[in-house]
Amino acid sequence: MAKVVKGKQFRKGKQDDILPFERENYIIMGIGLLVIILGYIALSGNQVEGFLPLTVAPILLVLGYCVIIPIGIMYRKKEKPPKPQEVTPPPTQQ
C-alpha cells in the first residue's frame, strides 16, 4: 500500500536510489579540491610578503571555492537525441 507524505508517494520497503552526480561531476569536484589544497599550500609559505601567499593563494582559493566546485555541482551531461532507425525494405520473393 502506498503512503502519501507531503505530496510524495513512498512504497513500503522500497527506496529510490537516485544519484544526482555522475563520474564527470566527481572528477570536476576533485579538481576543485586539488586547487583548494594547492591554494592552502601556497598560503602556508614562510614569507610574509611573498608572491605566493599574497597573490597566487587567494586566486587559487577563490577559483576552487567559487568557480570549480559550483561547476562540478551544476554540471550535467547533455543528452544526445536518439538516432532515427533505418527502415529496411522487406525481402522480395522471386
C-alpha atoms as a PDB file:
ATOM      1  CA  MET A   1       0.000   0.000   0.000  1.00  0.00           C
ATOM      2  CA  ALA A   2       1.295   3.434  -0.887  1.00  0.00           C
ATOM      3  CA  LYS A   3       1.655   6.145   1.709  1.00  0.00           C
ATOM      4  CA  VAL A   4       1.420   9.825   0.758  1.00  0.00           C
ATOM      5  CA  VAL A   5       3.689  12.168   2.716  1.00  0.00           C
ATOM      6  CA  LYS A   6       3.677  15.868   1.791  1.00  0.00           C
ATOM      7  CA  GLY A   7       2.817  15.281  -1.834  1.00  0.00           C
ATOM      8  CA  LYS A   8       5.319  12.462  -2.366  1.00  0.00           C
ATOM      9  CA  GLN A   9       4.443   8.848  -2.720  1.00  0.00           C
ATOM     10  CA  PHE A  10       6.549   6.234  -0.947  1.00  0.00           C
ATOM     11  CA  ARG A  11       6.290   2.489  -1.246  1.00  0.00           C
ATOM     12  CA  LYS A  12       6.786   0.396   1.789  1.00  0.00           C
ATOM     13  CA  GLY A  13      10.121  -1.429   1.763  1.00  0.00           C
ATOM     14  CA  LYS A  14      11.492   0.204  -1.393  1.00  0.00           C
ATOM     15  CA  GLN A  15      13.831   3.137  -1.710  1.00  0.00           C
ATOM     16  CA  ASP A  16      14.618   5.012  -4.865  1.00  0.00           C
ATOM     17  CA  ASP A  17      18.391   5.079  -5.190  1.00  0.00           C
ATOM     18  CA  ILE A  18      18.951   8.124  -7.338  1.00  0.00           C
ATOM     19  CA  LEU A  19      22.474   9.502  -7.545  1.00  0.00           C
ATOM     20  CA  PRO A  20      22.382  13.048  -8.921  1.00  0.00           C
ATOM     21  CA  PHE A  21      26.121  13.129  -9.686  1.00  0.00           C
ATOM     22  CA  GLU A  22      27.887  11.195 -12.386  1.00  0.00           C
ATOM     23  CA  ARG A  23      31.553  10.402 -12.908  1.00  0.00           C
ATOM     24  CA  GLU A  24      32.265  13.752 -14.580  1.00  0.00           C
ATOM     25  CA  ASN A  25      30.825  15.655 -11.600  1.00  0.00           C
ATOM     26  CA  TYR A  26      33.130  13.862  -9.184  1.00  0.00           C
ATOM     27  CA  ILE A  27      36.140  14.493 -11.430  1.00  0.00           C
ATOM     28  CA  ILE A  28      35.396  18.231 -11.623  1.00  0.00           C
ATOM     29  CA  MET A  29      34.851  18.467  -7.862  1.00  0.00           C
ATOM     30  CA  GLY A  30      38.094  16.529  -7.288  1.00  0.00           C
ATOM     31  CA  ILE A  31      39.958  19.039  -9.448  1.00  0.00           C
ATOM     32  CA  GLY A  32      38.382  21.819  -7.391  1.00  0.00           C
ATOM     33  CA  LEU A  33      39.520  20.146  -4.185  1.00  0.00           C
ATOM     34  CA  LEU A  34      43.084  19.858  -5.541  1.00  0.00           C
ATOM     35  CA  VAL A  35      43.078  23.553  -6.481  1.00  0.00           C
ATOM     36  CA  ILE A  36      41.896  24.435  -2.960  1.00  0.00           C
ATOM     37  CA  ILE A  37      44.628  22.288  -1.401  1.00  0.00           C
ATOM     38  CA  LEU A  38      47.218  23.964  -3.642  1.00  0.00           C
ATOM     39  CA  GLY A  39      45.878  27.341  -2.510  1.00  0.00           C
ATOM     40  CA  TYR A  40      46.334  26.446   1.153  1.00  0.00           C
ATOM     41  CA  ILE A  41      49.822  25.091   0.465  1.00  0.00           C
ATOM     42  CA  ALA A  42      50.730  28.366  -1.268  1.00  0.00           C
ATOM     43  CA  LEU A  43      49.216  30.283   1.651  1.00  0.00           C
ATOM     44  CA  SER A  44      51.338  28.452   4.189  1.00  0.00           C
ATOM     45  CA  GLY A  45      54.605  29.851   2.840  1.00  0.00           C
ATOM     46  CA  ASN A  46      57.119  31.244   5.330  1.00  0.00           C
ATOM     47  CA  GLN A  47      57.402  34.604   3.590  1.00  0.00           C
ATOM     48  CA  VAL A  48      55.186  37.328   4.984  1.00  0.00           C
ATOM     49  CA  GLU A  49      55.091  39.450   1.849  1.00  0.00           C
ATOM     50  CA  GLY A  50      55.834  36.914  -0.861  1.00  0.00           C
ATOM     51  CA  PHE A  51      54.209  36.465  -4.249  1.00  0.00           C
ATOM     52  CA  LEU A  52      52.667  33.054  -3.464  1.00  0.00           C
ATOM     53  CA  PRO A  53      50.912  33.868  -0.170  1.00  0.00           C
ATOM     54  CA  LEU A  54      49.618  37.282  -1.263  1.00  0.00           C
ATOM     55  CA  THR A  55      48.711  36.710  -4.903  1.00  0.00           C
ATOM     56  CA  VAL A  56      48.572  33.100  -6.021  1.00  0.00           C
ATOM     57  CA  ALA A  57      46.953  31.587  -2.911  1.00  0.00           C
ATOM     58  CA  PRO A  58      43.850  33.851  -2.863  1.00  0.00           C
ATOM     59  CA  ILE A  59      43.365  33.368  -6.598  1.00  0.00           C
ATOM     60  CA  LEU A  60      43.538  29.570  -6.253  1.00  0.00           C
ATOM     61  CA  LEU A  61      41.188  29.538  -3.253  1.00  0.00           C
ATOM     62  CA  VAL A  62      38.569  31.743  -4.912  1.00  0.00           C
ATOM     63  CA  LEU A  63      38.869  29.752  -8.127  1.00  0.00           C
ATOM     64  CA  GLY A  64      38.415  26.465  -6.261  1.00  0.00           C
ATOM     65  CA  TYR A  65      35.606  27.503  -3.924  1.00  0.00           C
ATOM     66  CA  CYS A  66      33.643  29.885  -6.161  1.00  0.00           C
ATOM     67  CA  VAL A  67      34.161  28.524  -9.676  1.00  0.00           C
ATOM     68  CA  ILE A  68      35.264  24.892  -9.955  1.00  0.00           C
ATOM     69  CA  ILE A  69      33.238  23.311  -7.117  1.00  0.00           C
ATOM     70  CA  PRO A  70      29.953  25.004  -8.220  1.00  0.00           C
ATOM     71  CA  ILE A  71      30.614  23.933 -11.807  1.00  0.00           C
ATOM     72  CA  GLY A  72      31.105  20.380 -10.550  1.00  0.00           C
ATOM     73  CA  ILE A  73      27.798  20.542  -8.698  1.00  0.00           C
ATOM     74  CA  MET A  74      25.780  22.047 -11.550  1.00  0.00           C
ATOM     75  CA  TYR A  75      27.360  20.191 -14.496  1.00  0.00           C
ATOM     76  CA  ARG A  76      25.010  17.896 -16.337  1.00  0.00           C
ATOM     77  CA  LYS A  77      25.913  15.902 -19.423  1.00  0.00           C
ATOM     78  CA  LYS A  78      23.927  16.865 -22.497  1.00  0.00           C
ATOM     79  CA  GLU A  79      21.684  14.053 -23.648  1.00  0.00           C
ATOM     80  CA  LYS A  80      22.056  13.108 -27.279  1.00  0.00           C
ATOM     81  CA  PRO A  81      18.859  12.840 -29.293  1.00  0.00           C
ATOM     82  CA  PRO A  82      18.087   9.281 -30.345  1.00  0.00           C
ATOM     83  CA  LYS A  83      19.131   8.351 -33.861  1.00  0.00           C
ATOM     84  CA  PRO A  84      16.314   7.622 -36.287  1.00  0.00           C
ATOM     85  CA  GLN A  85      16.227   3.945 -37.047  1.00  0.00           C
ATOM     86  CA  GLU A  86      16.691   2.891 -40.618  1.00  0.00           C
ATOM     87  CA  VAL A  87      13.758   1.177 -42.246  1.00  0.00           C
ATOM     88  CA  THR A  88      14.790  -1.850 -44.228  1.00  0.00           C
ATOM     89  CA  PRO A  89      12.523  -2.898 -47.072  1.00  0.00           C
ATOM     90  CA  PRO A  90      11.027  -6.345 -46.765  1.00  0.00           C
ATOM     91  CA  PRO A  91      12.778  -9.032 -48.801  1.00  0.00           C
ATOM     92  CA  THR A  92      11.228  -9.598 -52.209  1.00  0.00           C
ATOM     93  CA  GLN A  93      10.204 -13.066 -53.236  1.00  0.00           C
ATOM     94  CA  GLN A  94      11.133 -14.197 -56.729  1.00  0.00           C
END
